[in-house]
Amino acid sequence: MNKKGLIACFGVAAVALPLYMIAPGRASAGQKARFRGVNFAHRGLHTRDESVPENSMEAFRLAAEKGYGIELDIRLTKDGYVVVFHDDTLDRVCGISGKVIDYTYSELKEFRLCGSDETIPLFSDVLAMINGRSSVLCELKTCGKRSRELCEKAYGFISEYHGDLCIESFDPTILRWFRFYAPDLYRGQLAAPVSEYAKSSVRPFCAFLLSHGMLNFISRPNFISYKIGYQPLTIKLAYLLRAGKFAWPSHEPRNEEGKDAVIFEYYKPKPKFK
């Protein structure tokens, strides 16, 4: 091959490789339609003053009654229960030191959310209460070596749920599990600017790849749920390649423009905007 041919090959590779890395997975029109225009209440319809705590049964009940979609977070307990709780640790919400995964469910039931009477709910109980009234957006939290266990147990409940439900995660390896074992489940990659990952233990280079959607080849997400604000060119390209466009956390209705779905908090928009 001559010099011009080599240069052309390198040029094609330079374009093709990033596109391969960021390309989303295919989704049917029906999958997309079920969640298009849904306003998801972030961790339920909780309140800024914490009188209705985040990820509580009351927050989910109120969201379902208002007709909103419901976004929630799930993780594992020490003894393998799937509970609804956002943080890795209990400090902020329960005022207790330690990680959720280091406590049994019986122990966790004794703690209160934000000083209220609400306790940490089971994922199965939340789904039973919603009972198909609302679209559910379930974020799976990384559980280290037990992430596969979370995927398997969560899917056991999801597969029996009679209603619209999709999943998302910051962890592409979790989404990869669903890509291969539950390919019909609408799945999304959560992402944010690089600076957001500094709050966690994610290494800088990995943070860059996640922020720019360059690990999409692992899980081929159907949609990208990106933090509202600046978005890199690679994320915009993923949208052009037909990735669904979810946004979080919205604090005003104008964020609905150009989105497929919105995750909101601290105001009450219309349940659907398209």
C-alpha atoms as a PDB file:
ATOM      1  CA  MET A   1       0.000   0.000   0.000  1.00  0.00           C
ATOM      2  CA  ASN A   2       1.368   3.428  -0.923  1.00  0.00           C
ATOM      3  CA  LYS A   3       1.704   6.399   1.381  1.00  0.00           C
ATOM      4  CA  LYS A   4      -1.572   7.994   0.279  1.00  0.00           C
ATOM      5  CA  GLY A   5      -3.388   4.723   0.865  1.00  0.00           C
ATOM      6  CA  LEU A   6      -2.013   4.457   4.406  1.00  0.00           C
ATOM      7  CA  ILE A   7      -3.005   8.028   5.170  1.00  0.00           C
ATOM      8  CA  ALA A   8      -6.522   7.336   3.872  1.00  0.00           C
ATOM      9  CA  CYS A   9      -6.787   4.195   6.015  1.00  0.00           C
ATOM     10  CA  PHE A  10      -5.676   6.049   9.115  1.00  0.00           C
ATOM     11  CA  GLY A  11      -8.151   8.809   8.314  1.00  0.00           C
ATOM     12  CA  VAL A  12     -11.034   6.377   8.019  1.00  0.00           C
ATOM     13  CA  ALA A  13     -10.005   4.648  11.262  1.00  0.00           C
ATOM     14  CA  ALA A  14      -9.736   7.981  13.059  1.00  0.00           C
ATOM     15  CA  VAL A  15     -13.370   8.692  12.202  1.00  0.00           C
ATOM     16  CA  ALA A  16     -14.767   5.159  12.442  1.00  0.00           C
ATOM     17  CA  LEU A  17     -13.312   4.208  15.827  1.00  0.00           C
ATOM     18  CA  PRO A  18     -14.911   7.060  17.837  1.00  0.00           C
ATOM     19  CA  LEU A  19     -18.226   6.472  16.065  1.00  0.00           C
ATOM     20  CA  TYR A  20     -18.041   2.779  16.929  1.00  0.00           C
ATOM     21  CA  MET A  21     -17.328   3.619  20.567  1.00  0.00           C
ATOM     22  CA  ILE A  22     -20.209   6.098  21.014  1.00  0.00           C
ATOM     23  CA  ALA A  23     -22.877   4.444  18.877  1.00  0.00           C
ATOM     24  CA  PRO A  24     -26.093   3.614  20.766  1.00  0.00           C
ATOM     25  CA  GLY A  25     -28.048   0.398  20.582  1.00  0.00           C
ATOM     26  CA  ARG A  26     -31.161   0.087  18.474  1.00  0.00           C
ATOM     27  CA  ALA A  27     -34.585   0.505  20.019  1.00  0.00           C
ATOM     28  CA  SER A  28     -37.988  -0.147  18.489  1.00  0.00           C
ATOM     29  CA  ALA A  29     -40.461   2.637  17.845  1.00  0.00           C
ATOM     30  CA  GLY A  30     -42.698   1.089  20.490  1.00  0.00           C
ATOM     31  CA  GLN A  31     -39.968   1.175  23.128  1.00  0.00           C
ATOM     32  CA  LYS A  32     -39.262   4.831  22.447  1.00  0.00           C
ATOM     33  CA  ALA A  33     -42.929   5.803  22.355  1.00  0.00           C
ATOM     34  CA  ARG A  34     -43.674   4.432  25.819  1.00  0.00           C
ATOM     35  CA  PHE A  35     -41.294   6.914  27.449  1.00  0.00           C
ATOM     36  CA  ARG A  36     -41.396   9.849  25.040  1.00  0.00           C
ATOM     37  CA  GLY A  37     -42.429  13.073  26.723  1.00  0.00           C
ATOM     38  CA  VAL A  38     -42.578  11.619  30.243  1.00  0.00           C
ATOM     39  CA  ASN A  39     -41.703  13.846  33.183  1.00  0.00           C
ATOM     40  CA  PHE A  40     -40.111  11.581  35.790  1.00  0.00           C
ATOM     41  CA  ALA A  41     -40.225  12.716  39.418  1.00  0.00           C
ATOM     42  CA  HIS A  42     -36.615  12.501  40.632  1.00  0.00           C
ATOM     43  CA  ARG A  43     -36.554  10.016  43.533  1.00  0.00           C
ATOM     44  CA  GLY A  44     -40.312  10.424  43.692  1.00  0.00           C
ATOM     45  CA  LEU A  45     -42.232  13.600  44.384  1.00  0.00           C
ATOM     46  CA  HIS A  46     -40.107  14.545  47.379  1.00  0.00           C
ATOM     47  CA  THR A  47     -39.914  18.044  48.826  1.00  0.00           C
ATOM     48  CA  ARG A  48     -37.052  20.453  49.303  1.00  0.00           C
ATOM     49  CA  ASP A  49     -37.769  20.740  53.050  1.00  0.00           C
ATOM     50  CA  GLU A  50     -37.565  16.912  53.324  1.00  0.00           C
ATOM     51  CA  SER A  51     -41.021  16.649  54.856  1.00  0.00           C
ATOM     52  CA  VAL A  52     -41.561  14.125  52.077  1.00  0.00           C
ATOM     53  CA  PRO A  53     -38.196  12.326  51.868  1.00  0.00           C
ATOM     54  CA  GLU A  54     -36.552  11.247  48.636  1.00  0.00           C
ATOM     55  CA  ASN A  55     -36.983   7.609  47.579  1.00  0.00           C
ATOM     56  CA  SER A  56     -39.748   7.091  50.118  1.00  0.00           C
ATOM     57  CA  MET A  57     -43.040   5.282  49.696  1.00  0.00           C
ATOM     58  CA  GLU A  58     -44.838   8.589  50.273  1.00  0.00           C
ATOM     59  CA  ALA A  59     -42.835  10.313  47.529  1.00  0.00           C
ATOM     60  CA  PHE A  60     -43.660   7.512  45.108  1.00  0.00           C
ATOM     61  CA  ARG A  61     -47.329   7.451  46.108  1.00  0.00           C
ATOM     62  CA  LEU A  62     -47.678  11.194  45.507  1.00  0.00           C
ATOM     63  CA  ALA A  63     -45.945  10.964  42.119  1.00  0.00           C
ATOM     64  CA  ALA A  64     -48.205   8.110  41.029  1.00  0.00           C
ATOM     65  CA  GLU A  65     -51.313   9.991  42.130  1.00  0.00           C
ATOM     66  CA  LYS A  66     -50.268  13.027  40.061  1.00  0.00           C
ATOM     67  CA  GLY A  67     -49.609  10.881  36.993  1.00  0.00           C
ATOM     68  CA  TYR A  68     -45.859  11.487  36.862  1.00  0.00           C
ATOM     69  CA  GLY A  69     -43.253   8.985  35.851  1.00  0.00           C
ATOM     70  CA  ILE A  70     -41.102   7.847  38.766  1.00  0.00           C
ATOM     71  CA  GLU A  71     -37.309   7.759  38.873  1.00  0.00           C
ATOM     72  CA  LEU A  72     -35.767   5.719  41.673  1.00  0.00           C
ATOM     73  CA  ASP A  73     -32.453   4.153  42.710  1.00  0.00           C
ATOM     74  CA  ILE A  74     -31.783   0.586  43.770  1.00  0.00           C
ATOM     75  CA  ARG A  75     -28.907  -1.205  45.497  1.00  0.00           C
ATOM     76  CA  LEU A  76     -28.236  -4.322  47.582  1.00  0.00           C
ATOM     77  CA  THR A  77     -28.231  -4.931  51.317  1.00  0.00           C
ATOM     78  CA  LYS A  78     -25.722  -7.162  53.092  1.00  0.00           C
ATOM     79  CA  ASP A  79     -28.164 -10.068  53.010  1.00  0.00           C
ATOM     80  CA  GLY A  80     -29.127  -9.613  49.368  1.00  0.00           C
ATOM     81  CA  TYR A  81     -32.356  -7.616  49.476  1.00  0.00           C
ATOM     82  CA  VAL A  82     -32.956  -5.022  46.745  1.00  0.00           C
ATOM     83  CA  VAL A  83     -33.752  -1.698  48.401  1.00  0.00           C
ATOM     84  CA  VAL A  84     -34.536   1.760  47.077  1.00  0.00           C
ATOM     85  CA  PHE A  85     -31.880   4.218  48.219  1.00  0.00           C
ATOM     86  CA  HIS A  86     -29.650   6.670  46.375  1.00  0.00           C
ATOM     87  CA  ASP A  87     -26.425   7.134  48.320  1.00  0.00           C
ATOM     88  CA  ASP A  88     -23.757   4.541  48.899  1.00  0.00           C
ATOM     89  CA  THR A  89     -23.725   5.571  52.565  1.00  0.00           C
ATOM     90  CA  LEU A  90     -26.507   6.265  55.069  1.00  0.00           C
ATOM     91  CA  ASP A  91     -25.057   9.468  56.536  1.00  0.00           C
ATOM     92  CA  ARG A  92     -26.886  12.150  54.529  1.00  0.00           C
ATOM     93  CA  VAL A  93     -30.391  10.689  54.548  1.00  0.00           C
ATOM     94  CA  CYS A  94     -30.500   8.583  57.718  1.00  0.00           C
ATOM     95  CA  GLY A  95     -27.840  10.186  59.930  1.00  0.00           C
ATOM     96  CA  ILE A  96     -26.185   6.795  60.360  1.00  0.00           C
ATOM     97  CA  SER A  97     -22.565   6.025  59.515  1.00  0.00           C
ATOM     98  CA  GLY A  98     -21.715   3.165  57.176  1.00  0.00           C
ATOM     99  CA  LYS A  99     -22.653   1.818  53.771  1.00  0.00           C
ATOM    100  CA  VAL A 100     -26.056   0.423  52.872  1.00  0.00           C
ATOM    101  CA  ILE A 101     -24.469  -2.824  51.671  1.00  0.00           C
ATOM    102  CA  ASP A 102     -22.903  -3.392  55.109  1.00  0.00           C
ATOM    103  CA  TYR A 103     -26.304  -3.630  56.830  1.00  0.00           C
ATOM    104  CA  THR A 104     -28.971  -6.322  56.666  1.00  0.00           C
ATOM    105  CA  TYR A 105     -32.466  -5.342  55.609  1.00  0.00           C
ATOM    106  CA  SER A 106     -33.744  -5.940  59.159  1.00  0.00           C
ATOM    107  CA  GLU A 107     -31.190  -3.434  60.429  1.00  0.00           C
ATOM    108  CA  LEU A 108     -32.001  -0.901  57.721  1.00  0.00           C
ATOM    109  CA  LYS A 109     -35.713  -1.032  58.565  1.00  0.00           C
ATOM    110  CA  GLU A 110     -34.903   0.565  61.917  1.00  0.00           C
ATOM    111  CA  PHE A 111     -33.536   3.744  60.306  1.00  0.00           C
ATOM    112  CA  ARG A 112     -35.676   6.729  59.291  1.00  0.00           C
ATOM    113  CA  LEU A 113     -35.448   8.871  56.174  1.00  0.00           C
ATOM    114  CA  CYS A 114     -34.677  12.542  56.835  1.00  0.00           C
ATOM    115  CA  GLY A 115     -36.070  12.380  60.370  1.00  0.00           C
ATOM    116  CA  SER A 116     -39.532  11.331  59.145  1.00  0.00           C
ATOM    117  CA  ASP A 117     -41.535   8.187  59.848  1.00  0.00           C
ATOM    118  CA  GLU A 118     -40.563   6.822  56.422  1.00  0.00           C
ATOM    119  CA  THR A 119     -38.166   3.879  56.148  1.00  0.00           C
ATOM    120  CA  ILE A 120     -36.001   2.478  53.348  1.00  0.00           C
ATOM    121  CA  PRO A 121     -38.403   0.594  51.048  1.00  0.00           C
ATOM    122  CA  LEU A 122     -37.946  -2.661  49.203  1.00  0.00           C
ATOM    123  CA  PHE A 123     -37.906  -2.414  45.413  1.00  0.00           C
ATOM    124  CA  SER A 124     -40.598  -5.091  45.240  1.00  0.00           C
ATOM    125  CA  ASP A 125     -42.877  -3.112  47.583  1.00  0.00           C
ATOM    126  CA  VAL A 126     -42.465   0.065  45.531  1.00  0.00           C
ATOM    127  CA  LEU A 127     -43.349  -1.714  42.291  1.00  0.00           C
ATOM    128  CA  ALA A 128     -46.366  -3.328  43.950  1.00  0.00           C
ATOM    129  CA  MET A 129     -47.571   0.064  45.171  1.00  0.00           C
ATOM    130  CA  ILE A 130     -47.100   1.781  41.783  1.00  0.00           C
ATOM    131  CA  ASN A 131     -48.846  -1.172  40.110  1.00  0.00           C
ATOM    132  CA  GLY A 132     -48.523   0.129  36.554  1.00  0.00           C
ATOM    133  CA  ARG A 133     -49.941   3.594  37.301  1.00  0.00           C
ATOM    134  CA  SER A 134     -46.682   5.339  36.394  1.00  0.00           C
ATOM    135  CA  SER A 135     -43.759   4.822  34.048  1.00  0.00           C
ATOM    136  CA  VAL A 136     -40.739   3.791  36.108  1.00  0.00           C
ATOM    137  CA  LEU A 137     -37.117   4.767  35.459  1.00  0.00           C
ATOM    138  CA  CYS A 138     -34.925   2.545  37.608  1.00  0.00           C
ATOM    139  CA  GLU A 139     -31.290   3.455  38.228  1.00  0.00           C
ATOM    140  CA  LEU A 140     -29.088   0.549  39.293  1.00  0.00           C
ATOM    141  CA  LYS A 141     -26.223   1.543  41.550  1.00  0.00           C
ATOM    142  CA  THR A 142     -22.807  -0.057  41.326  1.00  0.00           C
ATOM    143  CA  CYS A 143     -22.313  -2.735  43.978  1.00  0.00           C
ATOM    144  CA  GLY A 144     -18.738  -3.717  43.151  1.00  0.00           C
ATOM    145  CA  LYS A 145     -18.343  -7.479  42.904  1.00  0.00           C
ATOM    146  CA  ARG A 146     -22.049  -7.869  43.679  1.00  0.00           C
ATOM    147  CA  SER A 147     -23.310  -5.811  40.726  1.00  0.00           C
ATOM    148  CA  ARG A 148     -24.233  -8.947  38.793  1.00  0.00           C
ATOM    149  CA  GLU A 149     -26.277 -10.122  41.775  1.00  0.00           C
ATOM    150  CA  LEU A 150     -28.125  -6.807  41.759  1.00  0.00           C
ATOM    151  CA  CYS A 151     -28.850  -7.137  38.031  1.00  0.00           C
ATOM    152  CA  GLU A 152     -30.184 -10.672  38.392  1.00  0.00           C
ATOM    153  CA  LYS A 153     -32.372  -9.930  41.406  1.00  0.00           C
ATOM    154  CA  ALA A 154     -33.655  -6.624  40.041  1.00  0.00           C
ATOM    155  CA  TYR A 155     -34.598  -8.234  36.751  1.00  0.00           C
ATOM    156  CA  GLY A 156     -36.518 -10.892  38.641  1.00  0.00           C
ATOM    157  CA  PHE A 157     -38.846  -8.147  39.915  1.00  0.00           C
ATOM    158  CA  ILE A 158     -38.798  -6.130  36.689  1.00  0.00           C
ATOM    159  CA  SER A 159     -39.799  -9.088  34.539  1.00  0.00           C
ATOM    160  CA  GLU A 160     -42.923  -9.568  36.656  1.00  0.00           C
ATOM    161  CA  TYR A 161     -43.904  -5.904  36.682  1.00  0.00           C
ATOM    162  CA  HIS A 162     -46.976  -5.044  34.608  1.00  0.00           C
ATOM    163  CA  GLY A 163     -46.250  -1.521  33.482  1.00  0.00           C
ATOM    164  CA  ASP A 164     -43.775   0.621  31.576  1.00  0.00           C
ATOM    165  CA  LEU A 165     -40.305   0.384  33.085  1.00  0.00           C
ATOM    166  CA  CYS A 166     -36.842   1.226  31.788  1.00  0.00           C
ATOM    167  CA  ILE A 167     -33.432   1.145  33.440  1.00  0.00           C
ATOM    168  CA  GLU A 168     -30.331   3.307  33.576  1.00  0.00           C
ATOM    169  CA  SER A 169     -26.947   3.292  35.279  1.00  0.00           C
ATOM    170  CA  PHE A 170     -23.672   5.182  35.408  1.00  0.00           C
ATOM    171  CA  ASP A 171     -21.965   1.784  35.232  1.00  0.00           C
ATOM    172  CA  PRO A 172     -21.763   0.454  31.643  1.00  0.00           C
ATOM    173  CA  THR A 173     -20.992  -3.057  32.906  1.00  0.00           C
ATOM    174  CA  ILE A 174     -24.416  -3.146  34.576  1.00  0.00           C
ATOM    175  CA  LEU A 175     -26.050  -2.097  31.321  1.00  0.00           C
ATOM    176  CA  ARG A 176     -23.998  -4.722  29.505  1.00  0.00           C
ATOM    177  CA  TRP A 177     -25.642  -7.407  31.648  1.00  0.00           C
ATOM    178  CA  PHE A 178     -29.080  -6.207  30.527  1.00  0.00           C
ATOM    179  CA  ARG A 179     -27.885  -5.894  26.939  1.00  0.00           C
ATOM    180  CA  PHE A 180     -27.232  -9.625  26.826  1.00  0.00           C
ATOM    181  CA  TYR A 181     -29.759 -11.058  29.297  1.00  0.00           C
ATOM    182  CA  ALA A 182     -32.697  -8.662  28.856  1.00  0.00           C
ATOM    183  CA  PRO A 183     -32.210  -7.080  25.414  1.00  0.00           C
ATOM    184  CA  ASP A 184     -35.845  -6.005  25.100  1.00  0.00           C
ATOM    185  CA  LEU A 185     -35.614  -3.795  28.194  1.00  0.00           C
ATOM    186  CA  TYR A 186     -35.094  -0.125  27.291  1.00  0.00           C
ATOM    187  CA  ARG A 187     -31.755   0.876  28.855  1.00  0.00           C
ATOM    188  CA  GLY A 188     -29.870   4.127  29.234  1.00  0.00           C
ATOM    189  CA  GLN A 189     -26.392   5.359  30.073  1.00  0.00           C
ATOM    190  CA  LEU A 190     -26.270   8.010  32.778  1.00  0.00           C
ATOM    191  CA  ALA A 191     -23.516  10.555  32.231  1.00  0.00           C
ATOM    192  CA  ALA A 192     -22.318  13.988  33.315  1.00  0.00           C
ATOM    193  CA  PRO A 193     -19.409  16.383  32.764  1.00  0.00           C
ATOM    194  CA  VAL A 194     -15.992  15.168  33.905  1.00  0.00           C
ATOM    195  CA  SER A 195     -16.068  17.393  36.995  1.00  0.00           C
ATOM    196  CA  GLU A 196     -19.052  15.440  38.372  1.00  0.00           C
ATOM    197  CA  TYR A 197     -17.032  12.230  38.576  1.00  0.00           C
ATOM    198  CA  ALA A 198     -14.515  13.879  40.916  1.00  0.00           C
ATOM    199  CA  LYS A 199     -17.120  13.392  43.662  1.00  0.00           C
ATOM    200  CA  SER A 200     -16.674   9.632  43.361  1.00  0.00           C
ATOM    201  CA  SER A 201     -13.754   7.231  43.116  1.00  0.00           C
ATOM    202  CA  VAL A 202     -13.780   7.164  39.294  1.00  0.00           C
ATOM    203  CA  ARG A 203     -10.304   7.668  37.873  1.00  0.00           C
ATOM    204  CA  PRO A 204      -9.780  10.749  35.648  1.00  0.00           C
ATOM    205  CA  PHE A 205      -9.283   8.866  32.372  1.00  0.00           C
ATOM    206  CA  CYS A 206     -12.306   6.660  32.985  1.00  0.00           C
ATOM    207  CA  ALA A 207     -14.285   9.777  33.946  1.00  0.00           C
ATOM    208  CA  PHE A 208     -13.352  11.317  30.599  1.00  0.00           C
ATOM    209  CA  LEU A 209     -14.519   8.228  28.690  1.00  0.00           C
ATOM    210  CA  LEU A 210     -17.803   8.038  30.615  1.00  0.00           C
ATOM    211  CA  SER A 211     -18.450  11.749  30.272  1.00  0.00           C
ATOM    212  CA  HIS A 212     -17.975  11.570  26.519  1.00  0.00           C
ATOM    213  CA  GLY A 213     -20.017   8.389  25.966  1.00  0.00           C
ATOM    214  CA  MET A 214     -16.966   6.537  24.750  1.00  0.00           C
ATOM    215  CA  LEU A 215     -17.796   3.336  26.613  1.00  0.00           C
ATOM    216  CA  ASN A 216     -21.130   2.931  24.839  1.00  0.00           C
ATOM    217  CA  PHE A 217     -19.646   0.047  22.861  1.00  0.00           C
ATOM    218  CA  ILE A 218     -19.744  -2.017  26.061  1.00  0.00           C
ATOM    219  CA  SER A 219     -23.485  -1.735  26.620  1.00  0.00           C
ATOM    220  CA  ARG A 220     -24.967  -0.064  23.507  1.00  0.00           C
ATOM    221  CA  PRO A 221     -27.482   2.025  25.493  1.00  0.00           C
ATOM    222  CA  ASN A 222     -30.773   2.924  23.838  1.00  0.00           C
ATOM    223  CA  PHE A 223     -30.804   6.357  25.453  1.00  0.00           C
ATOM    224  CA  ILE A 224     -28.388   8.686  27.200  1.00  0.00           C
ATOM    225  CA  SER A 225     -29.457  10.440  30.367  1.00  0.00           C
ATOM    226  CA  TYR A 226     -27.115  13.433  30.639  1.00  0.00           C
ATOM    227  CA  LYS A 227     -26.893  16.094  33.312  1.00  0.00           C
ATOM    228  CA  ILE A 228     -28.428  19.364  32.148  1.00  0.00           C
ATOM    229  CA  GLY A 229     -25.824  21.850  30.962  1.00  0.00           C
ATOM    230  CA  TYR A 230     -22.759  21.511  28.781  1.00  0.00           C
ATOM    231  CA  GLN A 231     -22.585  18.377  26.630  1.00  0.00           C
ATOM    232  CA  PRO A 232     -19.524  17.205  24.669  1.00  0.00           C
ATOM    233  CA  LEU A 233     -19.614  16.796  20.905  1.00  0.00           C
ATOM    234  CA  THR A 234     -19.472  13.006  21.218  1.00  0.00           C
ATOM    235  CA  ILE A 235     -22.726  12.996  23.210  1.00  0.00           C
ATOM    236  CA  LYS A 236     -24.386  15.173  20.579  1.00  0.00           C
ATOM    237  CA  LEU A 237     -23.171  12.749  17.930  1.00  0.00           C
ATOM    238  CA  ALA A 238     -24.713   9.847  19.863  1.00  0.00           C
ATOM    239  CA  TYR A 239     -28.040  11.675  19.752  1.00  0.00           C
ATOM    240  CA  LEU A 240     -27.634  12.119  15.992  1.00  0.00           C
ATOM    241  CA  LEU A 241     -27.079   8.361  15.831  1.00  0.00           C
ATOM    242  CA  ARG A 242     -30.567   8.044  17.364  1.00  0.00           C
ATOM    243  CA  ALA A 243     -29.858   7.635  21.049  1.00  0.00           C
ATOM    244  CA  GLY A 244     -32.841   8.737  23.120  1.00  0.00           C
ATOM    245  CA  LYS A 245     -32.291  12.033  24.938  1.00  0.00           C
ATOM    246  CA  PHE A 246     -33.102  12.057  28.670  1.00  0.00           C
ATOM    247  CA  ALA A 247     -32.075  14.961  30.927  1.00  0.00           C
ATOM    248  CA  TRP A 248     -31.583  15.452  34.692  1.00  0.00           C
ATOM    249  CA  PRO A 249     -32.187  17.111  37.081  1.00  0.00           C
ATOM    250  CA  SER A 250     -34.616  19.667  35.727  1.00  0.00           C
ATOM    251  CA  HIS A 251     -35.739  22.557  37.912  1.00  0.00           C
ATOM    252  CA  GLU A 252     -37.877  24.359  35.327  1.00  0.00           C
ATOM    253  CA  PRO A 253     -40.193  23.398  32.446  1.00  0.00           C
ATOM    254  CA  ARG A 254     -38.025  24.961  29.729  1.00  0.00           C
ATOM    255  CA  ASN A 255     -35.674  21.966  30.012  1.00  0.00           C
ATOM    256  CA  GLU A 256     -38.283  19.857  28.219  1.00  0.00           C
ATOM    257  CA  GLU A 257     -37.397  21.449  24.873  1.00  0.00           C
ATOM    258  CA  GLY A 258     -35.694  18.982  22.546  1.00  0.00           C
ATOM    259  CA  LYS A 259     -35.752  16.132  25.082  1.00  0.00           C
ATOM    260  CA  ASP A 260     -37.374  12.722  24.929  1.00  0.00           C
ATOM    261  CA  ALA A 261     -37.853  12.577  28.694  1.00  0.00           C
ATOM    262  CA  VAL A 262     -37.000  14.737  31.702  1.00  0.00           C
ATOM    263  CA  ILE A 263     -36.178  13.902  35.318  1.00  0.00           C
ATOM    264  CA  PHE A 264     -37.427  16.807  37.449  1.00  0.00           C
ATOM    265  CA  GLU A 265     -37.533  17.893  41.067  1.00  0.00           C
ATOM    266  CA  TYR A 266     -38.917  20.693  43.262  1.00  0.00           C
ATOM    267  CA  TYR A 267     -41.648  21.861  40.875  1.00  0.00           C
ATOM    268  CA  LYS A 268     -44.753  20.326  39.342  1.00  0.00           C
ATOM    269  CA  PRO A 269     -44.766  20.227  35.531  1.00  0.00           C
ATOM    270  CA  LYS A 270     -47.377  18.538  33.362  1.00  0.00           C
ATOM    271  CA  PRO A 271     -47.037  14.735  33.511  1.00  0.00           C
ATOM    272  CA  LYS A 272     -46.281  14.636  29.762  1.00  0.00           C
ATOM    273  CA  PHE A 273     -44.911  17.313  27.455  1.00  0.00           C
ATOM    274  CA  LYS A 274     -45.232  15.767  23.991  1.00  0.00           C
END
